[in-house]
């Protein structure tokens, strides 16, 4: 495994920690009866989650389709990977739709 593969894997896992931290921080910020001027913490947490999603997506696609590690055939034949990507596609538009 090359050092680039290791770096991509490390960034992919770092995104997990960043995303989990963003979800946790947002929950804590919303749990308090925040005044409008305190809502910035909710937005900071949302930004952490957004950065994590961008990092997950970019490193994940690079690892899956960039000729790294297991290769494209492995991922396209893996039902769990396809399920994850399908759920991601379902969830992603809800981030941009105002209800």
PDB file of N, CA and C in Angstrom:
ATOM      1  N   UNK A   1       0.850  -1.177   0.000  1.00  0.00           N
ATOM      2  CA  UNK A   1       0.000   0.000   0.000  1.00  0.00           C
ATOM      3  C   UNK A   1       0.898   1.243   0.000  1.00  0.00           C
ATOM      4  N   UNK A   2       0.649   2.121  -0.938  1.00  0.00           N
ATOM      5  CA  UNK A   2       1.489   3.304  -1.077  1.00  0.00           C
ATOM      6  C   UNK A   2       1.160   4.344  -0.006  1.00  0.00           C
ATOM      7  N   UNK A   3       2.027   5.323   0.106  1.00  0.00           N
ATOM      8  CA  UNK A   3       1.794   6.380   1.092  1.00  0.00           C
ATOM      9  C   UNK A   3       0.575   7.227   0.709  1.00  0.00           C
ATOM     10  N   UNK A   4       0.284   7.343  -0.592  1.00  0.00           N
ATOM     11  CA  UNK A   4      -0.920   8.056  -1.011  1.00  0.00           C
ATOM     12  C   UNK A   4      -2.168   7.301  -0.553  1.00  0.00           C
ATOM     13  N   UNK A   5      -2.156   5.993  -0.671  1.00  0.00           N
ATOM     14  CA  UNK A   5      -3.282   5.185  -0.204  1.00  0.00           C
ATOM     15  C   UNK A   5      -3.483   5.345   1.295  1.00  0.00           C
ATOM     16  N   UNK A   6      -2.374   5.345   2.038  1.00  0.00           N
ATOM     17  CA  UNK A   6      -2.458   5.540   3.479  1.00  0.00           C
ATOM     18  C   UNK A   6      -3.015   6.912   3.813  1.00  0.00           C
ATOM     19  N   UNK A   7      -2.568   7.934   3.103  1.00  0.00           N
ATOM     20  CA  UNK A   7      -3.037   9.294   3.359  1.00  0.00           C
ATOM     21  C   UNK A   7      -4.531   9.423   3.056  1.00  0.00           C
ATOM     22  N   UNK A   8      -4.984   8.843   1.951  1.00  0.00           N
ATOM     23  CA  UNK A   8      -6.411   8.888   1.618  1.00  0.00           C
ATOM     24  C   UNK A   8      -7.241   8.146   2.658  1.00  0.00           C
ATOM     25  N   UNK A   9      -6.752   6.994   3.102  1.00  0.00           N
ATOM     26  CA  UNK A   9      -7.464   6.239   4.128  1.00  0.00           C
ATOM     27  C   UNK A   9      -7.538   7.028   5.435  1.00  0.00           C
ATOM     28  N   UNK A  10      -6.446   7.693   5.789  1.00  0.00           N
ATOM     29  CA  UNK A  10      -6.418   8.487   7.018  1.00  0.00           C
ATOM     30  C   UNK A  10      -7.387   9.672   6.923  1.00  0.00           C
ATOM     31  N   UNK A  11      -7.411  10.347   5.778  1.00  0.00           N
ATOM     32  CA  UNK A  11      -8.338  11.463   5.598  1.00  0.00           C
ATOM     33  C   UNK A  11      -9.789  10.990   5.612  1.00  0.00           C
ATOM     34  N   UNK A  12     -10.029   9.823   5.038  1.00  0.00           N
ATOM     35  CA  UNK A  12     -11.373   9.246   5.019  1.00  0.00           C
ATOM     36  C   UNK A  12     -11.844   8.977   6.454  1.00  0.00           C
ATOM     37  N   UNK A  13     -10.971   8.439   7.283  1.00  0.00           N
ATOM     38  CA  UNK A  13     -11.313   8.188   8.683  1.00  0.00           C
ATOM     39  C   UNK A  13     -11.401   9.485   9.489  1.00  0.00           C
ATOM     40  N   UNK A  14     -10.573  10.446   9.166  1.00  0.00           N
ATOM     41  CA  UNK A  14     -10.652  11.745   9.819  1.00  0.00           C
ATOM     42  C   UNK A  14     -12.006  12.395   9.558  1.00  0.00           C
ATOM     43  N   UNK A  15     -12.525  12.209   8.360  1.00  0.00           N
ATOM     44  CA  UNK A  15     -13.840  12.743   8.028  1.00  0.00           C
ATOM     45  C   UNK A  15     -14.915  12.120   8.913  1.00  0.00           C
ATOM     46  N   UNK A  16     -14.758  10.865   9.265  1.00  0.00           N
ATOM     47  CA  UNK A  16     -15.707  10.217  10.164  1.00  0.00           C
ATOM     48  C   UNK A  16     -15.729  10.932  11.510  1.00  0.00           C
ATOM     49  N   UNK A  17     -14.557  11.192  12.060  1.00  0.00           N
ATOM     50  CA  UNK A  17     -14.479  11.886  13.349  1.00  0.00           C
ATOM     51  C   UNK A  17     -15.034  13.309  13.241  1.00  0.00           C
ATOM     52  N   UNK A  18     -14.718  14.001  12.171  1.00  0.00           N
ATOM     53  CA  UNK A  18     -15.203  15.362  11.974  1.00  0.00           C
ATOM     54  C   UNK A  18     -16.723  15.386  11.838  1.00  0.00           C
ATOM     55  N   UNK A  19     -17.263  14.447  11.079  1.00  0.00           N
ATOM     56  CA  UNK A  19     -18.712  14.372  10.900  1.00  0.00           C
ATOM     57  C   UNK A  19     -19.434  14.025  12.191  1.00  0.00           C
ATOM     58  N   UNK A  20     -18.899  13.064  12.921  1.00  0.00           N
ATOM     59  CA  UNK A  20     -19.501  12.684  14.195  1.00  0.00           C
ATOM     60  C   UNK A  20     -19.452  13.876  15.170  1.00  0.00           C
ATOM     61  N   UNK A  21     -18.336  14.552  15.199  1.00  0.00           N
ATOM     62  CA  UNK A  21     -18.216  15.733  16.055  1.00  0.00           C
ATOM     63  C   UNK A  21     -19.200  16.822  15.665  1.00  0.00           C
ATOM     64  N   UNK A  22     -19.411  17.008  14.370  1.00  0.00           N
ATOM     65  CA  UNK A  22     -20.373  18.003  13.909  1.00  0.00           C
ATOM     66  C   UNK A  22     -21.798  17.661  14.305  1.00  0.00           C
ATOM     67  N   UNK A  23     -22.156  16.391  14.177  1.00  0.00           N
ATOM     68  CA  UNK A  23     -23.507  15.963  14.567  1.00  0.00           C
ATOM     69  C   UNK A  23     -23.689  16.129  16.078  1.00  0.00           C
ATOM     70  N   UNK A  24     -22.690  15.742  16.837  1.00  0.00           N
ATOM     71  CA  UNK A  24     -22.751  15.845  18.297  1.00  0.00           C
ATOM     72  C   UNK A  24     -22.829  17.306  18.745  1.00  0.00           C
ATOM     73  N   UNK A  25     -21.999  18.162  18.151  1.00  0.00           N
ATOM     74  CA  UNK A  25     -21.993  19.584  18.506  1.00  0.00           C
ATOM     75  C   UNK A  25     -23.317  20.249  18.142  1.00  0.00           C
ATOM     76  N   UNK A  26     -23.895  19.860  17.019  1.00  0.00           N
ATOM     77  CA  UNK A  26     -25.181  20.433  16.613  1.00  0.00           C
ATOM     78  C   UNK A  26     -26.276  20.015  17.586  1.00  0.00           C
ATOM     79  N   UNK A  27     -26.252  18.759  17.984  1.00  0.00           N
ATOM     80  CA  UNK A  27     -27.248  18.282  18.948  1.00  0.00           C
ATOM     81  C   UNK A  27     -27.132  19.043  20.262  1.00  0.00           C
ATOM     82  N   UNK A  28     -25.911  19.261  20.723  1.00  0.00           N
ATOM     83  CA  UNK A  28     -25.719  20.015  21.967  1.00  0.00           C
ATOM     84  C   UNK A  28     -26.186  21.458  21.821  1.00  0.00           C
ATOM     85  N   UNK A  29     -25.874  22.064  20.692  1.00  0.00           N
ATOM     86  CA  UNK A  29     -26.261  23.460  20.481  1.00  0.00           C
ATOM     87  C   UNK A  29     -27.777  23.606  20.391  1.00  0.00           C
ATOM     88  N   UNK A  30     -28.446  22.646  19.764  1.00  0.00           N
ATOM     89  CA  UNK A  30     -29.901  22.724  19.628  1.00  0.00           C
ATOM     90  C   UNK A  30     -30.616  22.328  20.914  1.00  0.00           C
ATOM     91  N   UNK A  31     -29.957  21.546  21.750  1.00  0.00           N
ATOM     92  CA  UNK A  31     -30.565  21.117  23.004  1.00  0.00           C
ATOM     93  C   UNK A  31     -30.767  22.307  23.942  1.00  0.00           C
ATOM     94  N   UNK A  32     -29.885  23.266  23.868  1.00  0.00           N
ATOM     95  CA  UNK A  32     -30.026  24.469  24.676  1.00  0.00           C
ATOM     96  C   UNK A  32     -31.082  25.364  24.031  1.00  0.00           C
ATOM     97  N   UNK A  33     -31.783  26.082  24.822  1.00  0.00           N
ATOM     98  CA  UNK A  33     -32.754  27.034  24.274  1.00  0.00           C
ATOM     99  C   UNK A  33     -31.984  28.263  23.809  1.00  0.00           C
ATOM    100  N   UNK A  34     -31.471  28.160  22.617  1.00  0.00           N
ATOM    101  CA  UNK A  34     -30.557  29.183  22.110  1.00  0.00           C
ATOM    102  C   UNK A  34     -31.314  30.417  21.634  1.00  0.00           C
ATOM    103  N   UNK A  35     -30.733  31.529  21.933  1.00  0.00           N
ATOM    104  CA  UNK A  35     -31.213  32.793  21.380  1.00  0.00           C
ATOM    105  C   UNK A  35     -30.659  32.909  19.959  1.00  0.00           C
ATOM    106  N   UNK A  36     -31.261  33.745  19.156  1.00  0.00           N
ATOM    107  CA  UNK A  36     -30.772  33.871  17.769  1.00  0.00           C
ATOM    108  C   UNK A  36     -29.281  34.191  17.661  1.00  0.00           C
ATOM    109  N   UNK A  37     -28.744  34.966  18.609  1.00  0.00           N
ATOM    110  CA  UNK A  37     -27.319  35.291  18.534  1.00  0.00           C
ATOM    111  C   UNK A  37     -26.440  34.095  18.915  1.00  0.00           C
ATOM    112  N   UNK A  38     -27.016  33.072  19.531  1.00  0.00           N
ATOM    113  CA  UNK A  38     -26.258  31.879  19.888  1.00  0.00           C
ATOM    114  C   UNK A  38     -26.338  30.793  18.821  1.00  0.00           C
ATOM    115  N   UNK A  39     -27.131  31.010  17.803  1.00  0.00           N
ATOM    116  CA  UNK A  39     -27.295  30.010  16.752  1.00  0.00           C
ATOM    117  C   UNK A  39     -26.041  29.815  15.909  1.00  0.00           C
ATOM    118  N   UNK A  40     -25.077  30.686  16.062  1.00  0.00           N
ATOM    119  CA  UNK A  40     -23.840  30.532  15.272  1.00  0.00           C
ATOM    120  C   UNK A  40     -23.177  29.193  15.558  1.00  0.00           C
ATOM    121  N   UNK A  41     -23.340  28.644  16.781  1.00  0.00           N
ATOM    122  CA  UNK A  41     -22.745  27.350  17.102  1.00  0.00           C
ATOM    123  C   UNK A  41     -23.408  26.228  16.310  1.00  0.00           C
ATOM    124  N   UNK A  42     -24.693  26.375  16.058  1.00  0.00           N
ATOM    125  CA  UNK A  42     -25.397  25.401  15.214  1.00  0.00           C
ATOM    126  C   UNK A  42     -24.824  25.463  13.806  1.00  0.00           C
ATOM    127  N   UNK A  43     -24.592  26.668  13.327  1.00  0.00           N
ATOM    128  CA  UNK A  43     -24.056  26.829  11.972  1.00  0.00           C
ATOM    129  C   UNK A  43     -22.609  26.348  11.870  1.00  0.00           C
ATOM    130  N   UNK A  44     -21.821  26.554  12.915  1.00  0.00           N
ATOM    131  CA  UNK A  44     -20.456  26.009  12.934  1.00  0.00           C
ATOM    132  C   UNK A  44     -20.494  24.485  12.852  1.00  0.00           C
ATOM    133  N   UNK A  45     -21.406  23.885  13.603  1.00  0.00           N
ATOM    134  CA  UNK A  45     -21.539  22.422  13.588  1.00  0.00           C
ATOM    135  C   UNK A  45     -21.994  21.947  12.210  1.00  0.00           C
ATOM    136  N   UNK A  46     -22.916  22.665  11.594  1.00  0.00           N
ATOM    137  CA  UNK A  46     -23.348  22.321  10.232  1.00  0.00           C
ATOM    138  C   UNK A  46     -22.188  22.409   9.253  1.00  0.00           C
ATOM    139  N   UNK A  47     -21.344  23.420   9.419  1.00  0.00           N
ATOM    140  CA  UNK A  47     -20.176  23.542   8.550  1.00  0.00           C
ATOM    141  C   UNK A  47     -19.212  22.380   8.749  1.00  0.00           C
ATOM    142  N   UNK A  48     -19.053  21.938   9.981  1.00  0.00           N
ATOM    143  CA  UNK A  48     -18.187  20.780  10.241  1.00  0.00           C
ATOM    144  C   UNK A  48     -18.746  19.548   9.550  1.00  0.00           C
ATOM    145  N   UNK A  49     -20.054  19.363   9.638  1.00  0.00           N
ATOM    146  CA  UNK A  49     -20.687  18.223   8.971  1.00  0.00           C
ATOM    147  C   UNK A  49     -20.529  18.336   7.453  1.00  0.00           C
ATOM    148  N   UNK A  50     -20.712  19.527   6.902  1.00  0.00           N
ATOM    149  CA  UNK A  50     -20.552  19.724   5.465  1.00  0.00           C
ATOM    150  C   UNK A  50     -19.132  19.462   5.004  1.00  0.00           C
ATOM    151  N   UNK A  51     -18.160  19.916   5.773  1.00  0.00           N
ATOM    152  CA  UNK A  51     -16.763  19.651   5.445  1.00  0.00           C
ATOM    153  C   UNK A  51     -16.468  18.153   5.504  1.00  0.00           C
ATOM    154  N   UNK A  52     -17.013  17.495   6.507  1.00  0.00           N
ATOM    155  CA  UNK A  52     -16.825  16.047   6.619  1.00  0.00           C
ATOM    156  C   UNK A  52     -17.429  15.328   5.411  1.00  0.00           C
ATOM    157  N   UNK A  53     -18.627  15.739   4.991  1.00  0.00           N
ATOM    158  CA  UNK A  53     -19.263  15.109   3.828  1.00  0.00           C
ATOM    159  C   UNK A  53     -18.425  15.312   2.566  1.00  0.00           C
ATOM    160  N   UNK A  54     -17.907  16.516   2.397  1.00  0.00           N
ATOM    161  CA  UNK A  54     -17.048  16.800   1.239  1.00  0.00           C
ATOM    162  C   UNK A  54     -15.786  15.939   1.281  1.00  0.00           C
ATOM    163  N   UNK A  55     -15.196  15.815   2.449  1.00  0.00           N
ATOM    164  CA  UNK A  55     -13.992  15.007   2.618  1.00  0.00           C
ATOM    165  C   UNK A  55     -14.283  13.528   2.392  1.00  0.00           C
ATOM    166  N   UNK A  56     -15.402  13.040   2.954  1.00  0.00           N
ATOM    167  CA  UNK A  56     -15.786  11.641   2.742  1.00  0.00           C
ATOM    168  C   UNK A  56     -15.981  11.361   1.259  1.00  0.00           C
ATOM    169  N   UNK A  57     -16.731  12.225   0.627  1.00  0.00           N
ATOM    170  CA  UNK A  57     -17.059  12.003  -0.780  1.00  0.00           C
ATOM    171  C   UNK A  57     -15.819  12.062  -1.663  1.00  0.00           C
ATOM    172  N   UNK A  58     -15.005  13.067  -1.487  1.00  0.00           N
ATOM    173  CA  UNK A  58     -13.836  13.205  -2.360  1.00  0.00           C
ATOM    174  C   UNK A  58     -12.817  12.089  -2.138  1.00  0.00           C
ATOM    175  N   UNK A  59     -12.496  11.787  -0.884  1.00  0.00           N
ATOM    176  CA  UNK A  59     -11.519  10.718  -0.644  1.00  0.00           C
ATOM    177  C   UNK A  59     -12.104   9.352  -0.989  1.00  0.00           C
ATOM    178  N   UNK A  60     -13.388   9.167  -0.709  1.00  0.00           N
ATOM    179  CA  UNK A  60     -14.025   7.885  -1.019  1.00  0.00           C
ATOM    180  C   UNK A  60     -14.076   7.617  -2.515  1.00  0.00           C
ATOM    181  N   UNK A  61     -14.468   8.621  -3.284  1.00  0.00           N
ATOM    182  CA  UNK A  61     -14.504   8.435  -4.737  1.00  0.00           C
ATOM    183  C   UNK A  61     -13.109   8.222  -5.302  1.00  0.00           C
ATOM    184  N   UNK A  62     -12.144   8.939  -4.770  1.00  0.00           N
ATOM    185  CA  UNK A  62     -10.768   8.766  -5.228  1.00  0.00           C
ATOM    186  C   UNK A  62     -10.289   7.350  -4.926  1.00  0.00           C
ATOM    187  N   UNK A  63     -10.580   6.872  -3.723  1.00  0.00           N
ATOM    188  CA  UNK A  63     -10.156   5.520  -3.346  1.00  0.00           C
ATOM    189  C   UNK A  63     -10.877   4.465  -4.186  1.00  0.00           C
ATOM    190  N   UNK A  64     -12.171   4.691  -4.470  1.00  0.00           N
ATOM    191  CA  UNK A  64     -12.953   3.687  -5.191  1.00  0.00           C
ATOM    192  C   UNK A  64     -12.690   3.697  -6.694  1.00  0.00           C
ATOM    193  N   UNK A  65     -12.568   4.881  -7.275  1.00  0.00           N
ATOM    194  CA  UNK A  65     -12.498   4.970  -8.731  1.00  0.00           C
ATOM    195  C   UNK A  65     -11.200   5.566  -9.257  1.00  0.00           C
ATOM    196  N   UNK A  66     -10.261   5.843  -8.391  1.00  0.00           N
ATOM    197  CA  UNK A  66      -9.008   6.450  -8.809  1.00  0.00           C
ATOM    198  C   UNK A  66      -7.861   5.466  -8.969  1.00  0.00           C
ATOM    199  N   UNK A  67      -8.168   4.191  -9.067  1.00  0.00           N
ATOM    200  CA  UNK A  67      -7.117   3.197  -9.246  1.00  0.00           C
ATOM    201  C   UNK A  67      -6.366   2.884  -7.967  1.00  0.00           C
ATOM    202  N   UNK A  68      -6.967   3.162  -6.832  1.00  0.00           N
ATOM    203  CA  UNK A  68      -6.330   2.896  -5.550  1.00  0.00           C
ATOM    204  C   UNK A  68      -6.888   1.591  -4.968  1.00  0.00           C
ATOM    205  N   UNK A  69      -6.122   0.934  -4.181  1.00  0.00           N
ATOM    206  CA  UNK A  69      -6.524  -0.190  -3.345  1.00  0.00           C
ATOM    207  C   UNK A  69      -7.290  -1.270  -4.094  1.00  0.00           C
ATOM    208  N   UNK A  70      -8.574  -1.475  -3.766  1.00  0.00           N
ATOM    209  CA  UNK A  70      -9.322  -2.628  -4.259  1.00  0.00           C
ATOM    210  C   UNK A  70      -9.782  -2.499  -5.703  1.00  0.00           C
ATOM    211  N   UNK A  71      -9.962  -1.317  -6.173  1.00  0.00           N
ATOM    212  CA  UNK A  71     -10.349  -1.114  -7.560  1.00  0.00           C
ATOM    213  C   UNK A  71     -11.845  -0.936  -7.752  1.00  0.00           C
ATOM    214  N   UNK A  72     -12.185  -0.403  -8.906  1.00  0.00           N
ATOM    215  CA  UNK A  72     -13.562  -0.069  -9.244  1.00  0.00           C
ATOM    216  C   UNK A  72     -14.470  -1.291  -9.283  1.00  0.00           C
ATOM    217  N   UNK A  73     -14.002  -2.387  -9.840  1.00  0.00           N
ATOM    218  CA  UNK A  73     -14.836  -3.590  -9.963  1.00  0.00           C
ATOM    219  C   UNK A  73     -15.288  -4.095  -8.598  1.00  0.00           C
ATOM    220  N   UNK A  74     -14.409  -4.020  -7.623  1.00  0.00           N
ATOM    221  CA  UNK A  74     -14.768  -4.458  -6.278  1.00  0.00           C
ATOM    222  C   UNK A  74     -15.926  -3.626  -5.727  1.00  0.00           C
ATOM    223  N   UNK A  75     -15.827  -2.314  -5.848  1.00  0.00           N
ATOM    224  CA  UNK A  75     -16.840  -1.438  -5.269  1.00  0.00           C
ATOM    225  C   UNK A  75     -18.164  -1.519  -6.026  1.00  0.00           C
ATOM    226  N   UNK A  76     -18.127  -1.593  -7.344  1.00  0.00           N
ATOM    227  CA  UNK A  76     -19.364  -1.667  -8.112  1.00  0.00           C
ATOM    228  C   UNK A  76     -20.065  -3.009  -7.957  1.00  0.00           C
ATOM    229  N   UNK A  77     -19.351  -4.026  -7.506  1.00  0.00           N
ATOM    230  CA  UNK A  77     -19.952  -5.327  -7.246  1.00  0.00           C
ATOM    231  C   UNK A  77     -20.324  -5.545  -5.797  1.00  0.00           C
ATOM    232  N   UNK A  78     -20.121  -4.546  -4.951  1.00  0.00           N
ATOM    233  CA  UNK A  78     -20.373  -4.661  -3.521  1.00  0.00           C
ATOM    234  C   UNK A  78     -21.717  -4.010  -3.192  1.00  0.00           C
ATOM    235  N   UNK A  79     -22.692  -4.806  -2.746  1.00  0.00           N
ATOM    236  CA  UNK A  79     -24.029  -4.293  -2.473  1.00  0.00           C
ATOM    237  C   UNK A  79     -24.026  -3.280  -1.328  1.00  0.00           C
ATOM    238  N   UNK A  80     -23.136  -3.455  -0.363  1.00  0.00           N
ATOM    239  CA  UNK A  80     -23.086  -2.527   0.756  1.00  0.00           C
ATOM    240  C   UNK A  80     -22.625  -1.133   0.295  1.00  0.00           C
ATOM    241  N   UNK A  81     -21.624  -1.101  -0.567  1.00  0.00           N
ATOM    242  CA  UNK A  81     -21.157   0.172  -1.122  1.00  0.00           C
ATOM    243  C   UNK A  81     -22.271   0.839  -1.926  1.00  0.00           C
ATOM    244  N   UNK A  82     -22.955   0.061  -2.762  1.00  0.00           N
ATOM    245  CA  UNK A  82     -24.035   0.619  -3.577  1.00  0.00           C
ATOM    246  C   UNK A  82     -25.184   1.117  -2.708  1.00  0.00           C
ATOM    247  N   UNK A  83     -25.473   0.426  -1.615  1.00  0.00           N
ATOM    248  CA  UNK A  83     -26.508   0.872  -0.684  1.00  0.00           C
ATOM    249  C   UNK A  83     -26.108   2.180  -0.025  1.00  0.00           C
ATOM    250  N   UNK A  84     -24.859   2.278   0.422  1.00  0.00           N
ATOM    251  CA  UNK A  84     -24.366   3.516   1.038  1.00  0.00           C
ATOM    252  C   UNK A  84     -24.476   4.681   0.068  1.00  0.00           C
ATOM    253  N   UNK A  85     -24.070   4.468  -1.166  1.00  0.00           N
ATOM    254  CA  UNK A  85     -24.125   5.550  -2.146  1.00  0.00           C
ATOM    255  C   UNK A  85     -25.569   5.918  -2.471  1.00  0.00           C
ATOM    256  N   UNK A  86     -26.457   4.927  -2.524  1.00  0.00           N
ATOM    257  CA  UNK A  86     -27.880   5.214  -2.751  1.00  0.00           C
ATOM    258  C   UNK A  86     -28.477   6.038  -1.632  1.00  0.00           C
ATOM    259  N   UNK A  87     -28.156   5.709  -0.388  1.00  0.00           N
ATOM    260  CA  UNK A  87     -28.639   6.490   0.751  1.00  0.00           C
ATOM    261  C   UNK A  87     -28.059   7.896   0.739  1.00  0.00           C
ATOM    262  N   UNK A  88     -26.805   8.009   0.363  1.00  0.00           N
ATOM    263  CA  UNK A  88     -26.172   9.329   0.276  1.00  0.00           C
ATOM    264  C   UNK A  88     -26.889  10.190  -0.758  1.00  0.00           C
ATOM    265  N   UNK A  89     -27.227   9.600  -1.896  1.00  0.00           N
ATOM    266  CA  UNK A  89     -27.919  10.343  -2.950  1.00  0.00           C
ATOM    267  C   UNK A  89     -29.316  10.756  -2.482  1.00  0.00           C
ATOM    268  N   UNK A  90     -29.970   9.926  -1.675  1.00  0.00           N
ATOM    269  CA  UNK A  90     -31.281  10.290  -1.148  1.00  0.00           C
ATOM    270  C   UNK A  90     -31.196  11.412  -0.114  1.00  0.00           C
ATOM    271  N   UNK A  91     -30.156  11.411   0.691  1.00  0.00           N
ATOM    272  CA  UNK A  91     -30.018  12.381   1.767  1.00  0.00           C
ATOM    273  C   UNK A  91     -29.473  13.715   1.270  1.00  0.00           C
ATOM    274  N   UNK A  92     -28.585  13.694   0.310  1.00  0.00           N
ATOM    275  CA  UNK A  92     -27.915  14.906  -0.150  1.00  0.00           C
ATOM    276  C   UNK A  92     -28.873  16.019  -0.575  1.00  0.00           C
ATOM    277  N   UNK A  93     -29.907  15.751  -1.386  1.00  0.00           N
ATOM    278  CA  UNK A  93     -30.791  16.864  -1.788  1.00  0.00           C
ATOM    279  C   UNK A  93     -31.504  17.517  -0.611  1.00  0.00           C
ATOM    280  N   UNK A  94     -31.756  16.779   0.460  1.00  0.00           N
ATOM    281  CA  UNK A  94     -32.463  17.366   1.591  1.00  0.00           C
ATOM    282  C   UNK A  94     -31.631  18.456   2.261  1.00  0.00           C
ATOM    283  N   UNK A  95     -30.328  18.451   2.046  1.00  0.00           N
ATOM    284  CA  UNK A  95     -29.457  19.483   2.600  1.00  0.00           C
ATOM    285  C   UNK A  95     -29.692  20.829   1.900  1.00  0.00           C
ATOM    286  N   UNK A  96     -30.198  20.778   0.674  1.00  0.00           N
ATOM    287  CA  UNK A  96     -30.348  22.001  -0.119  1.00  0.00           C
ATOM    288  C   UNK A  96     -31.789  22.451  -0.275  1.00  0.00           C
ATOM    289  N   UNK A  97     -32.739  21.642   0.151  1.00  0.00           N
ATOM    290  CA  UNK A  97     -34.158  21.972  -0.013  1.00  0.00           C
ATOM    291  C   UNK A  97     -34.639  22.668   1.254  1.00  0.00           C
ATOM    292  N   UNK A  98     -35.302  23.782   1.078  1.00  0.00           N
ATOM    293  CA  UNK A  98     -35.895  24.505   2.199  1.00  0.00           C
ATOM    294  C   UNK A  98     -37.334  24.041   2.363  1.00  0.00           C
ATOM    295  N   UNK A  99     -37.672  23.507   3.499  1.00  0.00           N
ATOM    296  CA  UNK A  99     -39.033  23.008   3.742  1.00  0.00           C
ATOM    297  C   UNK A  99     -39.897  24.086   4.301  1.00  0.00           C
TER     298      UNK A  99
END
